[in-house]
């Protein structure tokens, strides 16, 4: 096989593998096709051989039927379905139809009754056609002898001659047909032998193709992949000097080229990393020295700022304490001033309230007298109501007596006084309810009379107390007027003192504010110095870590072989 041409025409590995697989499939399909063709041919040959063998039987059958029909002309055996046609004629027709189909191809029948047609191919073999032509000639002579036998009288010399000729031609026809059957069998055996030879050859071709494909895949795919694997393992171990040979142009070759390119790029990258790691070590050392200087300066700044901050803090505390005292004093003076003002206002209000209380007491005394008079009138009215109630009670008692008398008279009247008795009963009940209600009213009036007497006594006492309150209120109002004048003078003096203290407090507050600002500024300086010191320490630690990383990176890069 021309593998070099295949490689030149197909650069893709997938295409190559598809072509190789296609070749194997073609070989397999050819084997399967040849086998199926031979099997189908064997099936047709088997049918032809069976029909050829049946021709021998038909020759014997035809001769027997002719002989039987000749000997028994009046009771000749005929076909059951064709009464008018002799059996020998049916056999002759089947033989001739089958012989024609064997030679030229066409339709014949599987059964003797000629009810199952079948198509068979003709033969193109000259020898076999010559043999079948010989059988046809012998069959023609055999049928002529049969016709002569049947036309001659039985047991006549001509009939005996025809019988002898029929027997001789029958044997010759049987022999020739037997030879034809053997030729058919030999042809079928030759076809089987051809199939066996084809399978042997195609099997050898398949083995050769498989071995060729295996060799090609091993040389063009497996070996380059193994070489690429060795290079990859070497790169994994740190050896970047290895290269992979490129022997093909398909994907495996492209993989080898990509692997070589990767090794070259890694080699350049590792070389640059080595240079950068050395530069990184130098830079880390310089950074560590700078961090040390910065740390020292930051410590000194922190110490100095701490001293200044402490002094400023103490000054701020003192000023704050002084300002607090002044503010407290100012607050106290303001409180006193406010209290004096409030006291003045309160005294004024008390004086006004005292005057109003006196007026109210006067009005209360008048109202108490008026109330006492009205309550006295209420007591008199209650007495009058008591008298009226006594009269109502007397009327109720008399009504009750009248109802009793009416009841007695109604009882005496019998049936005629029943209506009057009912009225008397109602009147009696009304008199009873009236007496009960009158008694209840009398009790309530007596309660009102008692309450009225108590109210009159209480109002008299209230009038006396109101008079006393009126006198006291007038005395308080006079004293409050004198106290109000004195309080106003005190308030003026306290207000002047508060103004002076407020001026002093403002000055001290401004001084304390300035001191706090100085303290805060110094504190911020101290905090900045501390942060600078911490940053310097972190920078120093980072530089040490960076130095360690640079050394580690240099050690890792040093593992590669460039």
Protein backbone atom coordinates (compact mmCIF):
# COMPACT_ATOMS: atom_id res chain seq x y z
CA UNK A 1 0.00 0.00 0.00
CA UNK A 2 1.23 3.49 -0.87
CA UNK A 3 1.07 5.03 2.63
CA UNK A 4 3.32 7.96 1.69
CA UNK A 5 0.81 9.09 -0.94
CA UNK A 6 -2.00 8.74 1.58
CA UNK A 7 -0.04 10.84 4.07
CA UNK A 8 0.67 13.53 1.50
CA UNK A 9 -2.98 13.71 0.40
CA UNK A 10 -4.49 13.73 3.87
CA UNK A 11 -2.81 15.89 6.48
CA UNK A 12 -5.56 15.52 9.10
CA UNK A 13 -5.19 12.64 11.56
CA UNK A 14 -8.94 12.18 11.74
CA UNK A 15 -9.09 11.96 7.93
CA UNK A 16 -6.26 9.40 7.89
CA UNK A 17 -7.94 7.26 10.53
CA UNK A 18 -11.24 7.56 8.66
CA UNK A 19 -9.56 6.41 5.42
CA UNK A 20 -7.89 3.46 7.14
CA UNK A 21 -11.13 2.48 8.80
CA UNK A 22 -12.90 2.86 5.44
CA UNK A 23 -10.43 0.47 3.81
CA UNK A 24 -11.13 -2.14 6.48
CA UNK A 25 -14.86 -1.62 6.07
CA UNK A 26 -14.57 -1.98 2.28
CA UNK A 27 -12.73 -5.29 2.68
CA UNK A 28 -15.34 -6.52 5.16
CA UNK A 29 -18.21 -5.37 2.93
CA UNK A 30 -16.64 -7.10 -0.08
CA UNK A 31 -16.34 -10.34 1.91
CA UNK A 32 -19.94 -10.05 3.11
CA UNK A 33 -21.19 -9.19 -0.39
CA UNK A 34 -19.34 -12.09 -1.97
CA UNK A 35 -20.64 -14.46 0.68
CA UNK A 36 -24.22 -13.30 0.25
CA UNK A 37 -23.91 -13.54 -3.54
CA UNK A 38 -22.58 -17.09 -3.36
CA UNK A 39 -25.23 -18.07 -0.81
CA UNK A 40 -27.98 -16.74 -3.08
CA UNK A 41 -26.35 -18.53 -6.02
CA UNK A 42 -26.22 -21.70 -3.94
CA UNK A 43 -29.91 -21.36 -3.25
CA UNK A 44 -30.66 -20.99 -6.98
CA UNK A 45 -28.25 -23.83 -7.83
CA UNK A 46 -29.93 -26.06 -5.29
CA UNK A 47 -33.30 -25.42 -6.91
CA UNK A 48 -31.86 -26.06 -10.39
CA UNK A 49 -30.17 -29.26 -9.21
CA UNK A 50 -33.42 -30.47 -7.67
CA UNK A 51 -35.33 -29.73 -10.87
CA UNK A 52 -32.58 -31.40 -12.93
CA UNK A 53 -32.79 -34.47 -10.74
CA UNK A 54 -36.56 -34.45 -11.14
CA UNK A 55 -36.03 -34.61 -14.92
CA UNK A 56 -34.49 -38.08 -14.46
CA UNK A 57 -37.53 -39.15 -12.51
CA UNK A 58 -39.85 -37.66 -15.16
CA UNK A 59 -38.03 -39.67 -17.86
CA UNK A 60 -38.74 -42.89 -15.98
CA UNK A 61 -42.28 -41.79 -15.17
CA UNK A 62 -43.01 -40.89 -18.80
CA UNK A 63 -41.76 -44.27 -20.07
CA UNK A 64 -43.84 -46.19 -17.53
CA UNK A 65 -46.95 -44.13 -18.26
CA UNK A 66 -46.55 -44.67 -22.05
CA UNK A 67 -46.05 -48.41 -21.56
CA UNK A 68 -49.03 -48.63 -19.21
CA UNK A 69 -51.24 -46.64 -21.55
CA UNK A 70 -50.20 -48.85 -24.47
CA UNK A 71 -50.96 -52.10 -22.63
CA UNK A 72 -54.22 -50.81 -21.20
CA UNK A 73 -55.57 -48.51 -23.86
CA UNK A 74 -59.17 -48.85 -22.69
CA UNK A 75 -58.33 -48.15 -19.00
CA UNK A 76 -55.57 -45.61 -19.39
CA UNK A 77 -54.57 -43.70 -16.28
CA UNK A 78 -55.29 -40.04 -16.64
CA UNK A 79 -54.85 -36.98 -14.47
CA UNK A 80 -57.68 -36.49 -11.97
CA UNK A 81 -58.19 -32.85 -12.90
CA UNK A 82 -57.87 -33.25 -16.73
CA UNK A 83 -59.91 -36.22 -17.71
CA UNK A 84 -59.29 -35.87 -21.46
CA UNK A 85 -55.46 -35.54 -21.16
CA UNK A 86 -53.32 -38.67 -20.59
CA UNK A 87 -50.85 -38.69 -17.69
CA UNK A 88 -47.92 -39.20 -20.09
CA UNK A 89 -48.86 -36.00 -21.90
CA UNK A 90 -48.83 -34.09 -18.60
CA UNK A 91 -45.45 -35.57 -17.70
CA UNK A 92 -44.12 -34.78 -21.18
CA UNK A 93 -45.30 -31.17 -20.88
CA UNK A 94 -43.69 -30.74 -17.43
CA UNK A 95 -40.41 -32.29 -18.66
CA UNK A 96 -40.23 -30.08 -21.73
CA UNK A 97 -41.17 -26.92 -19.77
CA UNK A 98 -38.49 -27.62 -17.16
CA UNK A 99 -35.87 -28.45 -19.81
CA UNK A 100 -36.57 -25.18 -21.64
CA UNK A 101 -36.33 -23.24 -18.36
CA UNK A 102 -33.01 -24.97 -17.52
CA UNK A 103 -31.56 -23.98 -20.86
CA UNK A 104 -33.01 -20.52 -21.47
CA UNK A 105 -34.40 -19.55 -18.10
CA UNK A 106 -38.05 -18.95 -17.33
CA UNK A 107 -40.99 -20.44 -15.50
CA UNK A 108 -41.44 -24.07 -14.49
CA UNK A 109 -43.31 -25.85 -11.71
CA UNK A 110 -42.28 -27.32 -8.39
CA UNK A 111 -45.02 -29.94 -8.21
CA UNK A 112 -46.10 -32.63 -10.65
CA UNK A 113 -49.57 -31.14 -10.90
CA UNK A 114 -48.03 -27.91 -12.31
CA UNK A 115 -49.78 -25.67 -9.77
CA UNK A 116 -46.71 -24.08 -8.12
CA UNK A 117 -44.79 -21.98 -10.68
CA UNK A 118 -41.21 -20.91 -10.05
CA UNK A 119 -38.65 -18.79 -11.92
CA UNK A 120 -35.19 -20.26 -12.54
CA UNK A 121 -32.21 -18.79 -14.39
CA UNK A 122 -30.89 -20.25 -17.62
CA UNK A 123 -27.36 -21.45 -18.07
CA UNK A 124 -24.62 -19.82 -20.13
CA UNK A 125 -22.12 -22.65 -19.72
CA UNK A 126 -21.45 -24.03 -23.24
CA UNK A 127 -20.76 -27.54 -22.01
CA UNK A 128 -23.87 -27.61 -19.91
CA UNK A 129 -25.97 -26.17 -22.73
CA UNK A 130 -24.54 -28.80 -25.10
CA UNK A 131 -25.42 -31.54 -22.61
CA UNK A 132 -28.95 -30.16 -22.19
CA UNK A 133 -29.28 -29.96 -25.99
CA UNK A 134 -28.24 -33.60 -26.14
CA UNK A 135 -30.93 -34.41 -23.56
CA UNK A 136 -33.43 -32.45 -25.60
CA UNK A 137 -32.51 -34.42 -28.74
CA UNK A 138 -32.79 -37.72 -26.90
CA UNK A 139 -36.11 -36.63 -25.39
CA UNK A 140 -37.43 -35.74 -28.82
CA UNK A 141 -36.48 -39.19 -30.12
CA UNK A 142 -37.95 -40.73 -26.95
CA UNK A 143 -41.30 -39.03 -27.48
CA UNK A 144 -41.31 -40.10 -31.15
CA UNK A 145 -40.70 -43.71 -30.07
CA UNK A 146 -43.52 -43.39 -27.54
CA UNK A 147 -45.85 -42.07 -30.19
CA UNK A 148 -44.88 -44.96 -32.53
CA UNK A 149 -45.45 -47.48 -29.73
CA UNK A 150 -48.89 -46.08 -28.99
CA UNK A 151 -49.85 -46.02 -32.69
CA UNK A 152 -48.91 -49.66 -33.40
CA UNK A 153 -51.05 -52.67 -32.43
CA UNK A 154 -50.04 -54.36 -29.24
CA UNK A 155 -47.64 -57.29 -29.59
CA UNK A 156 -46.97 -56.48 -33.23
CA UNK A 157 -43.37 -56.58 -34.51
CA UNK A 158 -43.44 -52.83 -35.06
CA UNK A 159 -44.75 -52.33 -31.52
CA UNK A 160 -42.00 -54.51 -30.08
CA UNK A 161 -39.38 -52.62 -32.09
CA UNK A 162 -40.76 -49.30 -30.80
CA UNK A 163 -40.75 -50.67 -27.24
CA UNK A 164 -37.14 -51.74 -27.52
CA UNK A 165 -36.24 -48.34 -28.97
CA UNK A 166 -38.16 -46.60 -26.15
CA UNK A 167 -36.29 -48.56 -23.51
CA UNK A 168 -32.94 -47.82 -25.13
CA UNK A 169 -33.66 -44.09 -25.53
CA UNK A 170 -34.98 -43.94 -21.97
CA UNK A 171 -31.68 -45.22 -20.63
CA UNK A 172 -29.71 -42.86 -22.86
CA UNK A 173 -31.84 -39.88 -21.85
CA UNK A 174 -31.55 -40.87 -18.19
CA UNK A 175 -27.78 -41.17 -18.55
CA UNK A 176 -27.43 -37.79 -20.28
CA UNK A 177 -29.68 -36.09 -17.70
CA UNK A 178 -27.68 -37.70 -14.93
CA UNK A 179 -24.52 -36.25 -16.48
CA UNK A 180 -26.21 -32.83 -16.68
CA UNK A 181 -27.13 -33.06 -12.99
CA UNK A 182 -23.54 -33.92 -12.17
CA UNK A 183 -22.39 -30.92 -14.21
CA UNK A 184 -24.80 -28.73 -12.25
CA UNK A 185 -23.41 -30.16 -9.00
CA UNK A 186 -19.85 -29.59 -10.15
CA UNK A 187 -20.73 -26.02 -11.04
CA UNK A 188 -22.23 -25.47 -7.57
CA UNK A 189 -19.18 -27.01 -5.92
CA UNK A 190 -16.99 -24.75 -8.02
CA UNK A 191 -18.97 -21.74 -6.82
CA UNK A 192 -18.47 -22.83 -3.20
CA UNK A 193 -14.78 -23.37 -3.85
CA UNK A 194 -14.60 -19.91 -5.41
CA UNK A 195 -16.27 -18.43 -2.34
CA UNK A 196 -13.82 -20.26 -0.09
CA UNK A 197 -10.93 -18.98 -2.20
CA UNK A 198 -12.34 -15.43 -2.10
CA UNK A 199 -12.69 -15.61 1.67
CA UNK A 200 -9.13 -16.87 2.03
CA UNK A 201 -7.80 -14.12 -0.20
CA UNK A 202 -9.89 -11.39 1.41
CA UNK A 203 -8.97 -12.68 4.87
CA UNK A 204 -5.31 -12.41 3.94
CA UNK A 205 -5.95 -8.94 2.53
CA UNK A 206 -7.77 -7.93 5.73
CA UNK A 207 -4.87 -9.21 7.84
CA UNK A 208 -2.42 -7.35 5.63
CA UNK A 209 -4.49 -4.18 5.82
CA UNK A 210 -4.79 -4.52 9.61
CA UNK A 211 -1.04 -5.06 9.98
CA UNK A 212 -0.33 -2.13 7.66
CA UNK A 213 -2.71 0.11 9.57
CA UNK A 214 -1.20 -1.00 12.87
CA UNK A 215 2.31 -0.31 11.56
CA UNK A 216 1.28 3.07 10.18
CA UNK A 217 -0.52 4.11 13.38
CA UNK A 218 2.43 2.98 15.48
CA UNK A 219 4.98 4.81 13.33
CA UNK A 220 2.95 7.95 12.60
CA UNK A 221 0.88 8.31 15.76
CA UNK A 222 2.05 6.21 18.70
CA UNK A 223 5.80 6.84 18.36
CA UNK A 224 5.39 10.65 17.99
CA UNK A 225 3.00 10.64 20.96
CA UNK A 226 5.53 8.67 23.05
CA UNK A 227 8.22 11.17 22.07
CA UNK A 228 5.90 14.04 23.06
CA UNK A 229 5.17 12.25 26.37
CA UNK A 230 8.92 11.94 27.10
CA UNK A 231 9.40 15.65 26.42
CA UNK A 232 6.39 16.51 28.64
CA UNK A 233 7.80 14.37 31.48
CA UNK A 234 11.18 16.08 31.07
CA UNK A 235 9.53 19.50 31.23
CA UNK A 236 7.59 18.39 34.33
CA UNK A 237 10.94 17.44 35.89
CA UNK A 238 12.36 20.91 35.08
CA UNK A 239 14.40 20.07 31.97
CA UNK A 240 13.59 22.68 29.33
CA UNK A 241 16.35 21.63 26.92
CA UNK A 242 14.40 18.72 25.44
CA UNK A 243 12.70 18.99 22.03
CA UNK A 244 10.18 16.79 20.31
CA UNK A 245 10.95 15.56 16.74
CA UNK A 246 8.31 16.59 14.18
CA UNK A 247 7.82 13.72 11.70
CA UNK A 248 4.25 14.35 10.49
CA UNK A 249 2.07 17.25 9.47
CA UNK A 250 -1.20 16.08 11.04
CA UNK A 251 -2.47 16.73 14.57
CA UNK A 252 0.31 14.71 16.24
CA UNK A 253 2.93 16.73 14.37
CA UNK A 254 1.11 19.92 15.30
CA UNK A 255 1.13 18.74 18.92
CA UNK A 256 4.90 18.21 18.74
CA UNK A 257 5.42 21.68 17.25
CA UNK A 258 3.20 23.23 19.94
CA UNK A 259 5.14 21.33 22.63
CA UNK A 260 8.45 22.62 21.24
CA UNK A 261 7.06 26.15 21.14
CA UNK A 262 5.84 25.80 24.72
CA UNK A 263 9.28 24.61 25.87
CA UNK A 264 10.93 27.58 24.13
CA UNK A 265 8.50 30.05 25.69
CA UNK A 266 8.92 28.46 29.12
CA UNK A 267 12.68 28.67 28.73
CA UNK A 268 12.50 32.39 27.98
CA UNK A 269 10.02 32.99 30.81
CA UNK A 270 12.12 31.10 33.35
CA UNK A 271 15.23 33.02 32.24
CA UNK A 272 13.42 36.32 32.73
CA UNK A 273 12.13 35.09 36.09
CA UNK A 274 15.71 34.36 37.19
CA UNK A 275 16.80 37.87 36.26
CA UNK A 276 13.75 39.40 37.94
CA UNK A 277 14.28 37.32 41.09
CA UNK A 278 17.84 38.67 41.42
CA UNK A 279 16.58 42.24 40.92
CA UNK A 280 13.84 41.55 43.44
CA UNK A 281 16.37 40.43 46.05
CA UNK A 282 18.37 43.66 45.60
CA UNK A 283 15.23 45.82 45.78
CA UNK A 284 14.00 43.97 48.88
CA UNK A 285 17.34 44.60 50.63
CA UNK A 286 17.22 48.31 49.82
CA UNK A 287 13.61 48.51 50.97
CA UNK A 288 14.51 46.88 54.28
CA UNK A 289 17.28 49.46 54.90
CA UNK A 290 14.92 52.34 54.07
CA UNK A 291 12.30 50.89 56.41
CA UNK A 292 14.86 50.72 59.23
CA UNK A 293 15.79 54.42 58.79
CA UNK A 294 12.12 55.38 58.65
CA UNK A 295 11.38 53.35 61.77
CA UNK A 296 14.18 55.09 63.72
CA UNK A 297 13.00 58.59 62.69
CA UNK A 298 9.40 57.73 63.49
CA UNK A 299 10.37 56.51 66.99
CA UNK A 300 12.17 59.79 67.75
CA UNK A 301 9.22 61.84 66.46
CA UNK A 302 6.86 59.77 68.58
CA UNK A 303 8.90 60.35 71.76
CA UNK A 304 9.15 64.13 71.21
CA UNK A 305 5.50 64.52 70.29
CA UNK A 306 4.54 62.47 73.35
CA UNK A 307 6.43 64.93 75.64
CA UNK A 308 4.89 68.00 74.01
CA UNK A 309 1.46 66.37 74.01
CA UNK A 310 1.71 65.63 77.73
CA UNK A 311 2.55 69.28 78.54
CA UNK A 312 -0.21 70.58 76.29
CA UNK A 313 -2.62 68.11 77.79
CA UNK A 314 -1.82 69.30 81.32
CA UNK A 315 -2.25 72.94 80.25
CA UNK A 316 -5.52 72.08 78.58
CA UNK A 317 -6.69 70.31 81.73
CA UNK A 318 -5.85 73.37 83.87
CA UNK A 319 -7.57 75.80 81.52
CA UNK A 320 -10.53 73.51 81.27
CA UNK A 321 -10.76 73.29 85.06
CA UNK A 322 -10.56 77.09 85.38
CA UNK A 323 -13.12 77.58 82.66
CA UNK A 324 -15.33 75.05 84.35
CA UNK A 325 -15.10 76.90 87.66
CA UNK A 326 -15.83 80.28 86.03
CA UNK A 327 -18.69 78.76 84.09
CA UNK A 328 -20.02 77.21 87.27
CA UNK A 329 -19.74 80.59 89.08
CA UNK A 330 -21.43 82.34 86.16
CA UNK A 331 -24.10 79.71 86.20
CA UNK A 332 -24.63 80.17 89.92
CA UNK A 333 -24.90 83.95 89.55
CA UNK A 334 -27.28 83.52 86.66
CA UNK A 335 -29.23 81.07 88.74
CA UNK A 336 -29.38 83.56 91.63
CA UNK A 337 -30.39 86.34 89.26
CA UNK A 338 -33.00 84.15 87.70
CA UNK A 339 -34.20 83.03 91.12
CA UNK A 340 -34.44 86.64 92.32
CA UNK A 341 -36.38 87.55 89.20
CA UNK A 342 -38.62 84.59 89.66
CA UNK A 343 -39.04 85.45 93.36
CA UNK A 344 -39.96 89.05 92.44
CA UNK A 345 -42.49 87.80 89.96
CA UNK A 346 -43.75 85.29 92.49
CA UNK A 347 -44.13 87.98 95.17
CA UNK A 348 -46.03 90.14 92.71
CA UNK A 349 -48.23 87.23 91.82
CA UNK A 350 -48.74 86.40 95.50
CA UNK A 351 -49.80 90.00 96.17
CA UNK A 352 -52.21 89.86 93.29
CA UNK A 353 -53.45 86.48 94.45
CA UNK A 354 -53.92 87.81 97.98
CA UNK A 355 -55.99 90.69 96.69
CA UNK A 356 -57.99 88.35 94.52
CA UNK A 357 -58.41 85.99 97.50
CA UNK A 358 -59.80 88.85 99.57
CA UNK A 359 -62.25 89.70 96.82
CA UNK A 360 -63.19 86.04 96.45
CA UNK A 361 -63.63 85.77 100.22
CA UNK A 362 -65.98 88.76 100.18
CA UNK A 363 -68.00 87.20 97.38
CA UNK A 364 -67.96 83.83 99.17
CA UNK A 365 -69.29 85.43 102.36
CA UNK A 366 -72.16 87.00 100.41
CA UNK A 367 -72.91 83.74 98.66
CA UNK A 368 -72.82 81.88 101.99
CA UNK A 369 -75.42 84.25 103.43
CA UNK A 370 -77.59 83.87 100.33
CA UNK A 371 -77.24 80.08 100.46
CA UNK A 372 -78.15 80.04 104.14
CA UNK A 373 -81.34 81.99 103.40
CA UNK A 374 -82.28 79.69 100.50
CA UNK A 375 -81.61 76.57 102.54
CA UNK A 376 -83.81 77.96 105.35
CA UNK A 377 -86.57 78.49 102.78
CA UNK A 378 -85.98 74.90 101.59
CA UNK A 379 -86.50 73.65 105.18
CA UNK A 380 -89.77 75.58 105.42
CA UNK A 381 -90.91 74.08 102.08
CA UNK A 382 -90.07 70.63 103.37
CA UNK A 383 -92.23 71.27 106.45
CA UNK A 384 -95.12 72.29 104.19
CA UNK A 385 -94.62 69.09 102.12
CA UNK A 386 -94.78 67.07 105.37
CA UNK A 387 -98.11 68.60 106.21
CA UNK A 388 -99.47 67.82 102.73
CA UNK A 389 -98.28 64.23 103.07
CA UNK A 390 -100.14 63.87 106.37
CA UNK A 391 -103.32 65.05 104.63
CA UNK A 392 -102.75 62.51 101.80
CA UNK A 393 -102.29 59.74 104.37
CA UNK A 394 -105.59 60.65 106.04
CA UNK A 395 -107.33 60.57 102.63
CA UNK A 396 -105.79 57.18 101.84
CA UNK A 397 -107.01 55.76 105.17
CA UNK A 398 -110.53 57.04 104.56
CA UNK A 399 -110.46 55.66 100.99
CA UNK A 400 -109.42 52.32 102.36
CA UNK A 401 -112.36 52.35 104.81
CA UNK A 402 -114.75 53.25 101.99
CA UNK A 403 -113.40 50.40 99.84
CA UNK A 404 -113.89 48.02 102.79
CA UNK A 405 -117.50 49.16 103.23
CA UNK A 406 -118.09 48.81 99.47
CA UNK A 407 -116.75 45.29 99.57
CA UNK A 408 -119.10 44.42 102.42
CA UNK A 409 -122.09 45.92 100.56
CA UNK A 410 -121.15 44.08 97.34
CA UNK A 411 -121.05 40.83 99.27
CA UNK A 412 -124.50 41.49 100.55
CA UNK A 413 -125.83 42.30 97.07
CA UNK A 414 -124.76 38.92 95.73
CA UNK A 415 -124.64 38.54 91.96
CA UNK A 416 -125.80 42.11 91.40
CA UNK A 417 -122.86 43.49 93.38
CA UNK A 418 -120.03 41.58 91.66
CA UNK A 419 -119.11 44.50 89.42
CA UNK A 420 -119.20 46.87 92.35
CA UNK A 421 -117.02 44.43 94.33
CA UNK A 422 -114.37 44.51 91.59
CA UNK A 423 -114.32 48.30 91.64
CA UNK A 424 -114.11 48.30 95.42
CA UNK A 425 -111.16 45.91 95.25
CA UNK A 426 -109.36 48.14 92.78
CA UNK A 427 -110.03 51.21 94.92
CA UNK A 428 -108.77 49.36 97.96
CA UNK A 429 -105.58 48.39 96.11
CA UNK A 430 -105.15 51.99 94.93
CA UNK A 431 -105.58 53.26 98.49
CA UNK A 432 -102.97 50.77 99.68
CA UNK A 433 -100.46 51.84 97.00
CA UNK A 434 -101.17 55.51 97.79
CA UNK A 435 -100.49 54.93 101.47
CA UNK A 436 -97.27 53.11 100.63
CA UNK A 437 -96.08 55.88 98.28
CA UNK A 438 -97.05 58.57 100.77
CA UNK A 439 -95.03 56.83 103.47
CA UNK A 440 -92.03 56.67 101.16
CA UNK A 441 -92.36 60.38 100.31
CA UNK A 442 -92.68 61.24 103.99
CA UNK A 443 -89.43 59.40 104.76
CA UNK A 444 -87.61 61.20 101.92
CA UNK A 445 -88.97 64.61 103.07
CA UNK A 446 -87.75 63.91 106.60
CA UNK A 447 -84.30 63.07 105.14
CA UNK A 448 -84.34 66.36 103.18
CA UNK A 449 -85.28 68.25 106.35
CA UNK A 450 -82.34 66.71 108.22
CA UNK A 451 -79.92 67.49 105.36
CA UNK A 452 -81.24 71.05 105.17
CA UNK A 453 -80.61 71.61 108.87
CA UNK A 454 -77.04 70.26 108.50
CA UNK A 455 -76.45 72.45 105.41
CA UNK A 456 -77.60 75.56 107.26
CA UNK A 457 -75.10 74.83 110.06
CA UNK A 458 -72.25 74.14 107.58
CA UNK A 459 -72.92 77.30 105.58
CA UNK A 460 -72.78 79.35 108.77
CA UNK A 461 -69.37 77.85 109.62
CA UNK A 462 -68.14 78.50 106.04
CA UNK A 463 -69.18 82.13 106.29
CA UNK A 464 -67.13 82.55 109.47
CA UNK A 465 -64.03 80.90 107.87
CA UNK A 466 -64.36 83.01 104.72
CA UNK A 467 -64.35 86.14 106.85
CA UNK A 468 -61.11 84.98 108.52
CA UNK A 469 -59.53 84.23 105.11
CA UNK A 470 -60.49 87.68 103.91
CA UNK A 471 -58.66 89.32 106.79
CA UNK A 472 -55.53 87.16 106.31
CA UNK A 473 -55.42 87.84 102.55
CA UNK A 474 -55.45 91.56 103.07
CA UNK A 475 -52.54 91.27 105.57
CA UNK A 476 -50.48 89.13 103.11
CA UNK A 477 -51.06 91.54 100.24
CA UNK A 478 -49.69 94.45 102.29
CA UNK A 479 -46.53 92.48 103.25
CA UNK A 480 -45.90 91.31 99.67
CA UNK A 481 -45.85 94.86 98.36
CA UNK A 482 -43.02 95.77 100.74
CA UNK A 483 -41.05 92.56 99.88
CA UNK A 484 -41.37 93.20 96.13
CA UNK A 485 -39.53 96.54 96.37
CA UNK A 486 -36.59 94.94 98.26
CA UNK A 487 -36.33 92.02 95.82
CA UNK A 488 -36.10 94.30 92.79
CA UNK A 489 -33.03 96.05 94.27
CA UNK A 490 -31.31 92.67 94.90
CA UNK A 491 -32.01 91.57 91.32
CA UNK A 492 -30.33 94.67 89.86
CA UNK A 493 -27.11 94.05 91.88
CA UNK A 494 -26.97 90.35 90.91
CA UNK A 495 -27.43 91.19 87.22
CA UNK A 496 -24.42 93.54 87.27
CA UNK A 497 -22.25 90.82 88.91
CA UNK A 498 -23.39 88.26 86.33
CA UNK A 499 -22.33 90.50 83.44
CA UNK A 500 -18.79 90.81 84.85
CA UNK A 501 -18.43 87.07 85.44
CA UNK A 502 -19.71 86.32 81.92
CA UNK A 503 -16.98 88.52 80.39
CA UNK A 504 -14.30 86.68 82.39
CA UNK A 505 -15.82 83.31 81.43
CA UNK A 506 -15.72 84.17 77.70
CA UNK A 507 -12.02 85.03 77.88
CA UNK A 508 -11.13 81.85 79.73
CA UNK A 509 -13.27 79.78 77.32
CA UNK A 510 -11.42 81.21 74.31
CA UNK A 511 -8.08 80.41 75.97
CA UNK A 512 -9.22 76.86 76.78
CA UNK A 513 -10.40 76.36 73.19
CA UNK A 514 -7.06 77.45 71.80
CA UNK A 515 -5.28 75.16 74.28
CA UNK A 516 -7.48 72.20 73.23
CA UNK A 517 -6.76 72.87 69.56
CA UNK A 518 -3.02 72.87 70.28
CA UNK A 519 -3.40 69.64 72.23
CA UNK A 520 -5.41 68.04 69.43
CA UNK A 521 -2.83 69.08 66.83
CA UNK A 522 -0.02 67.64 68.94
CA UNK A 523 -2.09 64.45 69.43
CA UNK A 524 -2.57 64.13 65.67
CA UNK A 525 1.15 64.62 65.17
CA UNK A 526 1.80 61.92 67.74
CA UNK A 527 -0.73 59.58 66.08
CA UNK A 528 0.79 60.23 62.65
CA UNK A 529 4.21 59.52 64.06
CA UNK A 530 2.96 56.27 65.59
CA UNK A 531 1.29 55.26 62.32
CA UNK A 532 4.50 56.12 60.49
CA UNK A 533 6.40 53.93 62.92
CA UNK A 534 3.91 51.08 62.46
CA UNK A 535 4.03 51.51 58.67
CA UNK A 536 7.80 51.42 58.83
CA UNK A 537 7.66 48.19 60.84
CA UNK A 538 5.19 46.66 58.40
CA UNK A 539 7.34 47.82 55.50
CA UNK A 540 10.35 46.22 57.12
CA UNK A 541 8.40 42.99 57.68
CA UNK A 542 7.14 43.10 54.08
CA UNK A 543 10.68 43.66 52.81
CA UNK A 544 11.89 40.66 54.81
CA UNK A 545 9.00 38.58 53.43
CA UNK A 546 9.77 39.88 49.95
CA UNK A 547 13.41 38.91 50.38
CA UNK A 548 12.34 35.43 51.48
CA UNK A 549 10.00 35.12 48.49
CA UNK A 550 12.73 36.32 46.14
CA UNK A 551 15.11 33.70 47.52
CA UNK A 552 12.42 31.02 47.23
CA UNK A 553 11.60 32.13 43.67
CA UNK A 554 15.28 32.07 42.78
CA UNK A 555 15.50 28.54 44.22
CA UNK A 556 12.44 27.39 42.25
CA UNK A 557 13.70 28.91 39.02
CA UNK A 558 17.08 27.34 39.64
CA UNK A 559 15.46 23.90 39.45
CA UNK A 560 14.87 24.38 35.72
CA UNK A 561 17.55 23.35 33.29
CA UNK A 562 17.86 25.99 30.56
